[in-house]
Amino acid sequence: MAARLRPRSEIRAARAGVLLCAVLASACGPEQGTPYRCSCTFVTDFDADAKLDVEVCSKAEARAEGVGRGCAQTHAPGPVSGCSCSSVPARGPCELSACRVTPAAP
């Protein structure tokens, strides 16, 4: 029995389906940003300033301070009063929800 050839319209439809699946799969992945190290200050129970270093992922440098402040607030025992952030050199993209405490820089 000879193999049946598919019409071109079926082949195009199959290719379009595969392409659509690939696009949808990439759209469902986590959003990417740039990693930043932030040094944040917070007030202790004794009304003294203390420092907490965090690493966060932000879409833009202008937003990194706010993201760092939010991250630090989840780990600080007192209100965060401010953060200063700088990008992490030689690192690739990161997942936007990334937030972790890092050891203090020497």
C-alpha atoms as a PDB file:
ATOM      1  CA  MET A   1       0.000   0.000   0.000  1.00  0.00           C
ATOM      2  CA  ALA A   2       1.430   3.392  -0.954  1.00  0.00           C
ATOM      3  CA  ALA A   3       1.828   6.194   1.576  1.00  0.00           C
ATOM      4  CA  ARG A   4      -0.664   9.017   1.261  1.00  0.00           C
ATOM      5  CA  LEU A   5       0.811  12.479   0.654  1.00  0.00           C
ATOM      6  CA  ARG A   6      -0.586  15.263   2.802  1.00  0.00           C
ATOM      7  CA  PRO A   7      -1.961  18.372   1.165  1.00  0.00           C
ATOM      8  CA  ARG A   8       0.087  21.533   1.632  1.00  0.00           C
ATOM      9  CA  SER A   9      -2.663  23.121   3.716  1.00  0.00           C
ATOM     10  CA  GLU A  10      -2.344  20.319   6.323  1.00  0.00           C
ATOM     11  CA  ILE A  11       1.432  20.771   6.456  1.00  0.00           C
ATOM     12  CA  ARG A  12       1.074  24.547   6.896  1.00  0.00           C
ATOM     13  CA  ALA A  13      -1.517  24.066   9.620  1.00  0.00           C
ATOM     14  CA  ALA A  14       0.753  21.614  11.464  1.00  0.00           C
ATOM     15  CA  ARG A  15       3.704  24.047  11.246  1.00  0.00           C
ATOM     16  CA  ALA A  16       1.528  26.910  12.484  1.00  0.00           C
ATOM     17  CA  GLY A  17       0.402  24.753  15.418  1.00  0.00           C
ATOM     18  CA  VAL A  18       3.978  23.918  16.381  1.00  0.00           C
ATOM     19  CA  LEU A  19       4.968  27.598  16.145  1.00  0.00           C
ATOM     20  CA  LEU A  20       1.983  28.647  18.265  1.00  0.00           C
ATOM     21  CA  CYS A  21       2.894  26.092  20.948  1.00  0.00           C
ATOM     22  CA  ALA A  22       6.488  27.368  21.033  1.00  0.00           C
ATOM     23  CA  VAL A  23       5.361  30.997  21.381  1.00  0.00           C
ATOM     24  CA  LEU A  24       2.892  30.161  24.143  1.00  0.00           C
ATOM     25  CA  ALA A  25       5.472  28.094  26.024  1.00  0.00           C
ATOM     26  CA  SER A  26       7.953  30.976  26.026  1.00  0.00           C
ATOM     27  CA  ALA A  27       5.262  33.464  27.085  1.00  0.00           C
ATOM     28  CA  CYS A  28       4.423  31.374  30.153  1.00  0.00           C
ATOM     29  CA  GLY A  29       7.997  31.457  31.458  1.00  0.00           C
ATOM     30  CA  PRO A  30       9.055  33.737  34.319  1.00  0.00           C
ATOM     31  CA  GLU A  31       9.733  37.370  33.511  1.00  0.00           C
ATOM     32  CA  GLN A  32      13.408  38.242  33.303  1.00  0.00           C
ATOM     33  CA  GLY A  33      15.332  41.209  34.666  1.00  0.00           C
ATOM     34  CA  THR A  34      18.808  42.265  35.786  1.00  0.00           C
ATOM     35  CA  PRO A  35      20.348  41.340  39.158  1.00  0.00           C
ATOM     36  CA  TYR A  36      21.199  44.147  41.611  1.00  0.00           C
ATOM     37  CA  ARG A  37      22.961  44.167  44.976  1.00  0.00           C
ATOM     38  CA  CYS A  38      21.386  46.573  47.421  1.00  0.00           C
ATOM     39  CA  SER A  39      22.640  47.862  50.735  1.00  0.00           C
ATOM     40  CA  CYS A  40      19.654  48.856  52.853  1.00  0.00           C
ATOM     41  CA  THR A  41      19.434  50.536  56.239  1.00  0.00           C
ATOM     42  CA  PHE A  42      16.764  49.887  58.827  1.00  0.00           C
ATOM     43  CA  VAL A  43      15.983  51.110  62.320  1.00  0.00           C
ATOM     44  CA  THR A  44      16.572  48.670  65.173  1.00  0.00           C
ATOM     45  CA  ASP A  45      14.629  48.340  68.421  1.00  0.00           C
ATOM     46  CA  PHE A  46      17.216  50.680  69.987  1.00  0.00           C
ATOM     47  CA  ASP A  47      16.593  53.430  67.376  1.00  0.00           C
ATOM     48  CA  ALA A  48      20.013  52.796  65.834  1.00  0.00           C
ATOM     49  CA  ASP A  49      20.570  52.288  62.119  1.00  0.00           C
ATOM     50  CA  ALA A  50      21.622  48.815  60.961  1.00  0.00           C
ATOM     51  CA  LYS A  51      22.489  47.544  57.492  1.00  0.00           C
ATOM     52  CA  LEU A  52      21.173  44.598  55.477  1.00  0.00           C
ATOM     53  CA  ASP A  53      22.514  43.560  52.063  1.00  0.00           C
ATOM     54  CA  VAL A  54      20.138  41.919  49.602  1.00  0.00           C
ATOM     55  CA  GLU A  55      20.254  40.787  45.992  1.00  0.00           C
ATOM     56  CA  VAL A  56      17.172  41.427  43.880  1.00  0.00           C
ATOM     57  CA  CYS A  57      16.055  41.230  40.281  1.00  0.00           C
ATOM     58  CA  SER A  58      14.571  44.317  38.632  1.00  0.00           C
ATOM     59  CA  LYS A  59      13.440  45.208  35.126  1.00  0.00           C
ATOM     60  CA  ALA A  60      15.211  48.585  35.272  1.00  0.00           C
ATOM     61  CA  GLU A  61      17.887  50.310  37.327  1.00  0.00           C
ATOM     62  CA  ALA A  62      15.412  53.034  38.295  1.00  0.00           C
ATOM     63  CA  ARG A  63      13.203  50.401  39.971  1.00  0.00           C
ATOM     64  CA  ALA A  64      15.984  48.462  41.725  1.00  0.00           C
ATOM     65  CA  GLU A  65      15.933  50.638  44.857  1.00  0.00           C
ATOM     66  CA  GLY A  66      12.219  50.067  45.418  1.00  0.00           C
ATOM     67  CA  VAL A  67      12.534  46.334  44.776  1.00  0.00           C
ATOM     68  CA  GLY A  68      15.526  46.179  47.141  1.00  0.00           C
ATOM     69  CA  ARG A  69      13.625  48.057  49.810  1.00  0.00           C
ATOM     70  CA  GLY A  70      10.702  45.635  49.579  1.00  0.00           C
ATOM     71  CA  CYS A  71      13.022  42.631  49.718  1.00  0.00           C
ATOM     72  CA  ALA A  72      14.939  44.018  52.695  1.00  0.00           C
ATOM     73  CA  GLN A  73      11.696  44.789  54.534  1.00  0.00           C
ATOM     74  CA  THR A  74      10.734  41.110  54.448  1.00  0.00           C
ATOM     75  CA  HIS A  75      14.008  40.240  56.232  1.00  0.00           C
ATOM     76  CA  ALA A  76      14.662  43.282  58.445  1.00  0.00           C
ATOM     77  CA  PRO A  77      13.413  43.335  62.038  1.00  0.00           C
ATOM     78  CA  GLY A  78      12.561  47.041  61.737  1.00  0.00           C
ATOM     79  CA  PRO A  79      11.390  49.590  59.139  1.00  0.00           C
ATOM     80  CA  VAL A  80      13.719  49.986  56.146  1.00  0.00           C
ATOM     81  CA  SER A  81      14.714  53.621  55.767  1.00  0.00           C
ATOM     82  CA  GLY A  82      16.539  53.437  52.426  1.00  0.00           C
ATOM     83  CA  CYS A  83      18.555  51.393  49.934  1.00  0.00           C
ATOM     84  CA  SER A  84      21.315  52.014  47.426  1.00  0.00           C
ATOM     85  CA  CYS A  85      21.680  49.495  44.607  1.00  0.00           C
ATOM     86  CA  SER A  86      24.174  48.641  41.869  1.00  0.00           C
ATOM     87  CA  SER A  87      24.020  46.054  39.111  1.00  0.00           C
ATOM     88  CA  VAL A  88      25.863  42.767  39.522  1.00  0.00           C
ATOM     89  CA  PRO A  89      28.564  42.626  36.815  1.00  0.00           C
ATOM     90  CA  ALA A  90      29.037  39.543  34.627  1.00  0.00           C
ATOM     91  CA  ARG A  91      25.690  37.980  35.548  1.00  0.00           C
ATOM     92  CA  GLY A  92      22.990  37.014  33.109  1.00  0.00           C
ATOM     93  CA  PRO A  93      19.281  37.683  33.409  1.00  0.00           C
ATOM     94  CA  CYS A  94      17.370  36.668  36.531  1.00  0.00           C
ATOM     95  CA  GLU A  95      13.796  35.848  37.484  1.00  0.00           C
ATOM     96  CA  LEU A  96      11.906  38.968  38.597  1.00  0.00           C
ATOM     97  CA  SER A  97      10.693  37.428  41.843  1.00  0.00           C
ATOM     98  CA  ALA A  98      14.288  36.844  43.047  1.00  0.00           C
ATOM     99  CA  CYS A  99      15.046  38.259  46.519  1.00  0.00           C
ATOM    100  CA  ARG A 100      17.716  37.030  48.889  1.00  0.00           C
ATOM    101  CA  VAL A 101      19.889  38.276  51.722  1.00  0.00           C
ATOM    102  CA  THR A 102      23.598  38.373  50.869  1.00  0.00           C
ATOM    103  CA  PRO A 103      26.683  38.561  53.066  1.00  0.00           C
ATOM    104  CA  ALA A 104      27.894  42.109  53.699  1.00  0.00           C
ATOM    105  CA  ALA A 105      30.553  43.323  51.271  1.00  0.00           C
ATOM    106  CA  PRO A 106      34.045  43.671  52.762  1.00  0.00           C
END
